[in-house]
Amino acid sequence: MFDPTHSRFATFGVISSLPGELIDSIWMIIDQTCKVSSTCTTC
């Protein structure tokens, strides 16, 4: 799951051009990857 103490950033240009559902899906994929991989560097 997401670590509330770990900051995540994206530029405004990227975020404003993507639909919210896509952003949520990207974070869900990252979250699932981190759960199964102890070598995940984005978590």
PDB file of N, CA and C in Angstrom:
ATOM      1  N   MET A   1       0.840  -1.185   0.000  1.00  0.00           N
ATOM      2  CA  MET A   1       0.000   0.000   0.000  1.00  0.00           C
ATOM      3  C   MET A   1       0.882   1.244   0.000  1.00  0.00           C
ATOM      4  N   PHE A   2       0.264   2.369  -0.191  1.00  0.00           N
ATOM      5  CA  PHE A   2       1.019   3.609  -0.202  1.00  0.00           C
ATOM      6  C   PHE A   2       1.541   3.936   1.187  1.00  0.00           C
ATOM      7  N   ASP A   3       2.758   4.386   1.237  1.00  0.00           N
ATOM      8  CA  ASP A   3       3.359   4.821   2.489  1.00  0.00           C
ATOM      9  C   ASP A   3       3.042   6.304   2.654  1.00  0.00           C
ATOM     10  N   PRO A   4       2.272   6.672   3.651  1.00  0.00           N
ATOM     11  CA  PRO A   4       1.884   8.082   3.795  1.00  0.00           C
ATOM     12  C   PRO A   4       3.054   9.013   4.097  1.00  0.00           C
ATOM     13  N   THR A   5       4.192   8.467   4.465  1.00  0.00           N
ATOM     14  CA  THR A   5       5.354   9.313   4.746  1.00  0.00           C
ATOM     15  C   THR A   5       6.251   9.483   3.526  1.00  0.00           C
ATOM     16  N   HIS A   6       5.928   8.806   2.429  1.00  0.00           N
ATOM     17  CA  HIS A   6       6.744   8.875   1.214  1.00  0.00           C
ATOM     18  C   HIS A   6       6.103   9.843   0.230  1.00  0.00           C
ATOM     19  N   SER A   7       6.815  10.893  -0.145  1.00  0.00           N
ATOM     20  CA  SER A   7       6.274  11.896  -1.058  1.00  0.00           C
ATOM     21  C   SER A   7       6.294  11.400  -2.501  1.00  0.00           C
ATOM     22  N   ARG A   8       5.279  11.808  -3.253  1.00  0.00           N
ATOM     23  CA  ARG A   8       5.207  11.504  -4.686  1.00  0.00           C
ATOM     24  C   ARG A   8       4.883  12.807  -5.403  1.00  0.00           C
ATOM     25  N   PHE A   9       5.525  13.020  -6.552  1.00  0.00           N
ATOM     26  CA  PHE A   9       5.358  14.275  -7.259  1.00  0.00           C
ATOM     27  C   PHE A   9       5.106  14.034  -8.747  1.00  0.00           C
ATOM     28  N   ALA A  10       4.375  14.926  -9.357  1.00  0.00           N
ATOM     29  CA  ALA A  10       4.181  14.952 -10.801  1.00  0.00           C
ATOM     30  C   ALA A  10       4.000  16.414 -11.202  1.00  0.00           C
ATOM     31  N   THR A  11       4.408  16.731 -12.418  1.00  0.00           N
ATOM     32  CA  THR A  11       4.264  18.114 -12.861  1.00  0.00           C
ATOM     33  C   THR A  11       2.795  18.432 -13.120  1.00  0.00           C
ATOM     34  N   PHE A  12       2.452  19.682 -12.993  1.00  0.00           N
ATOM     35  CA  PHE A  12       1.076  20.107 -13.230  1.00  0.00           C
ATOM     36  C   PHE A  12       0.657  19.825 -14.662  1.00  0.00           C
ATOM     37  N   GLY A  13       1.576  20.025 -15.607  1.00  0.00           N
ATOM     38  CA  GLY A  13       1.265  19.778 -17.015  1.00  0.00           C
ATOM     39  C   GLY A  13       0.860  18.342 -17.273  1.00  0.00           C
ATOM     40  N   VAL A  14       1.557  17.417 -16.651  1.00  0.00           N
ATOM     41  CA  VAL A  14       1.227  15.999 -16.826  1.00  0.00           C
ATOM     42  C   VAL A  14      -0.115  15.688 -16.189  1.00  0.00           C
ATOM     43  N   ILE A  15      -0.294  16.101 -14.970  1.00  0.00           N
ATOM     44  CA  ILE A  15      -1.521  15.790 -14.241  1.00  0.00           C
ATOM     45  C   ILE A  15      -2.748  16.426 -14.887  1.00  0.00           C
ATOM     46  N   SER A  16      -2.621  17.653 -15.328  1.00  0.00           N
ATOM     47  CA  SER A  16      -3.788  18.337 -15.895  1.00  0.00           C
ATOM     48  C   SER A  16      -4.207  17.769 -17.242  1.00  0.00           C
ATOM     49  N   SER A  17      -3.316  17.045 -17.903  1.00  0.00           N
ATOM     50  CA  SER A  17      -3.665  16.507 -19.219  1.00  0.00           C
ATOM     51  C   SER A  17      -4.188  15.073 -19.156  1.00  0.00           C
ATOM     52  N   LEU A  18      -4.139  14.438 -17.987  1.00  0.00           N
ATOM     53  CA  LEU A  18      -4.585  13.051 -17.854  1.00  0.00           C
ATOM     54  C   LEU A  18      -5.902  12.967 -17.093  1.00  0.00           C
ATOM     55  N   PRO A  19      -6.778  12.047 -17.492  1.00  0.00           N
ATOM     56  CA  PRO A  19      -8.011  11.866 -16.712  1.00  0.00           C
ATOM     57  C   PRO A  19      -7.697  11.250 -15.352  1.00  0.00           C
ATOM     58  N   GLY A  20      -8.461  11.605 -14.355  1.00  0.00           N
ATOM     59  CA  GLY A  20      -8.239  11.124 -12.994  1.00  0.00           C
ATOM     60  C   GLY A  20      -8.228   9.616 -12.883  1.00  0.00           C
ATOM     61  N   GLU A  21      -9.072   8.954 -13.661  1.00  0.00           N
ATOM     62  CA  GLU A  21      -9.132   7.492 -13.617  1.00  0.00           C
ATOM     63  C   GLU A  21      -7.814   6.868 -14.065  1.00  0.00           C
ATOM     64  N   LEU A  22      -7.161   7.482 -15.042  1.00  0.00           N
ATOM     65  CA  LEU A  22      -5.878   6.963 -15.515  1.00  0.00           C
ATOM     66  C   LEU A  22      -4.803   7.121 -14.444  1.00  0.00           C
ATOM     67  N   ILE A  23      -4.789   8.254 -13.787  1.00  0.00           N
ATOM     68  CA  ILE A  23      -3.818   8.485 -12.713  1.00  0.00           C
ATOM     69  C   ILE A  23      -4.025   7.472 -11.592  1.00  0.00           C
ATOM     70  N   ASP A  24      -5.280   7.252 -11.209  1.00  0.00           N
ATOM     71  CA  ASP A  24      -5.579   6.261 -10.173  1.00  0.00           C
ATOM     72  C   ASP A  24      -5.108   4.870 -10.589  1.00  0.00           C
ATOM     73  N   SER A  25      -5.303   4.532 -11.852  1.00  0.00           N
ATOM     74  CA  SER A  25      -4.871   3.219 -12.347  1.00  0.00           C
ATOM     75  C   SER A  25      -3.363   3.067 -12.305  1.00  0.00           C
ATOM     76  N   ILE A  26      -2.651   4.125 -12.659  1.00  0.00           N
ATOM     77  CA  ILE A  26      -1.182   4.081 -12.617  1.00  0.00           C
ATOM     78  C   ILE A  26      -0.701   3.832 -11.196  1.00  0.00           C
ATOM     79  N   TRP A  27      -1.265   4.556 -10.233  1.00  0.00           N
ATOM     80  CA  TRP A  27      -0.850   4.376  -8.840  1.00  0.00           C
ATOM     81  C   TRP A  27      -1.238   2.996  -8.318  1.00  0.00           C
ATOM     82  N   MET A  28      -2.361   2.452  -8.781  1.00  0.00           N
ATOM     83  CA  MET A  28      -2.763   1.117  -8.372  1.00  0.00           C
ATOM     84  C   MET A  28      -1.751   0.081  -8.886  1.00  0.00           C
ATOM     85  N   ILE A  29      -1.294   0.237 -10.124  1.00  0.00           N
ATOM     86  CA  ILE A  29      -0.291  -0.679 -10.682  1.00  0.00           C
ATOM     87  C   ILE A  29       1.004  -0.596  -9.889  1.00  0.00           C
ATOM     88  N   ILE A  30       1.440   0.616  -9.571  1.00  0.00           N
ATOM     89  CA  ILE A  30       2.660   0.788  -8.777  1.00  0.00           C
ATOM     90  C   ILE A  30       2.493   0.141  -7.410  1.00  0.00           C
ATOM     91  N   ASP A  31       1.343   0.359  -6.791  1.00  0.00           N
ATOM     92  CA  ASP A  31       1.069  -0.211  -5.471  1.00  0.00           C
ATOM     93  C   ASP A  31       1.116  -1.737  -5.518  1.00  0.00           C
ATOM     94  N   GLN A  32       0.482  -2.332  -6.517  1.00  0.00           N
ATOM     95  CA  GLN A  32       0.478  -3.788  -6.641  1.00  0.00           C
ATOM     96  C   GLN A  32       1.891  -4.322  -6.897  1.00  0.00           C
ATOM     97  N   THR A  33       2.661  -3.617  -7.693  1.00  0.00           N
ATOM     98  CA  THR A  33       4.041  -4.021  -7.971  1.00  0.00           C
ATOM     99  C   THR A  33       4.876  -4.005  -6.697  1.00  0.00           C
ATOM    100  N   CYS A  34       4.672  -2.981  -5.881  1.00  0.00           N
ATOM    101  CA  CYS A  34       5.427  -2.866  -4.639  1.00  0.00           C
ATOM    102  C   CYS A  34       5.058  -3.975  -3.646  1.00  0.00           C
ATOM    103  N   LYS A  35       3.828  -4.409  -3.694  1.00  0.00           N
ATOM    104  CA  LYS A  35       3.406  -5.461  -2.786  1.00  0.00           C
ATOM    105  C   LYS A  35       4.079  -6.800  -3.105  1.00  0.00           C
ATOM    106  N   VAL A  36       4.356  -7.046  -4.375  1.00  0.00           N
ATOM    107  CA  VAL A  36       4.928  -8.336  -4.779  1.00  0.00           C
ATOM    108  C   VAL A  36       6.438  -8.281  -4.974  1.00  0.00           C
ATOM    109  N   SER A  37       7.004  -7.096  -4.973  1.00  0.00           N
ATOM    110  CA  SER A  37       8.436  -6.964  -5.216  1.00  0.00           C
ATOM    111  C   SER A  37       9.106  -6.211  -4.079  1.00  0.00           C
ATOM    112  N   SER A  38      10.011  -6.870  -3.410  1.00  0.00           N
ATOM    113  CA  SER A  38      10.715  -6.184  -2.319  1.00  0.00           C
ATOM    114  C   SER A  38      11.807  -5.275  -2.858  1.00  0.00           C
ATOM    115  N   THR A  39      12.060  -5.309  -4.158  1.00  0.00           N
ATOM    116  CA  THR A  39      13.085  -4.454  -4.773  1.00  0.00           C
ATOM    117  C   THR A  39      12.501  -3.249  -5.464  1.00  0.00           C
ATOM    118  N   CYS A  40      11.224  -2.968  -5.253  1.00  0.00           N
ATOM    119  CA  CYS A  40      10.571  -1.833  -5.891  1.00  0.00           C
ATOM    120  C   CYS A  40      11.234  -0.532  -5.442  1.00  0.00           C
ATOM    121  N   THR A  41      11.684   0.282  -6.388  1.00  0.00           N
ATOM    122  CA  THR A  41      12.381   1.533  -6.046  1.00  0.00           C
ATOM    123  C   THR A  41      11.454   2.727  -6.015  1.00  0.00           C
ATOM    124  N   THR A  42      10.178   2.565  -6.407  1.00  0.00           N
ATOM    125  CA  THR A  42       9.257   3.701  -6.398  1.00  0.00           C
ATOM    126  C   THR A  42       8.451   3.765  -5.117  1.00  0.00           C
ATOM    127  N   CYS A  43       8.673   2.841  -4.207  1.00  0.00           N
ATOM    128  CA  CYS A  43       7.902   2.798  -2.963  1.00  0.00           C
ATOM    129  C   CYS A  43       8.727   3.244  -1.788  1.00  0.00           C
TER     130      CYS A  43
END
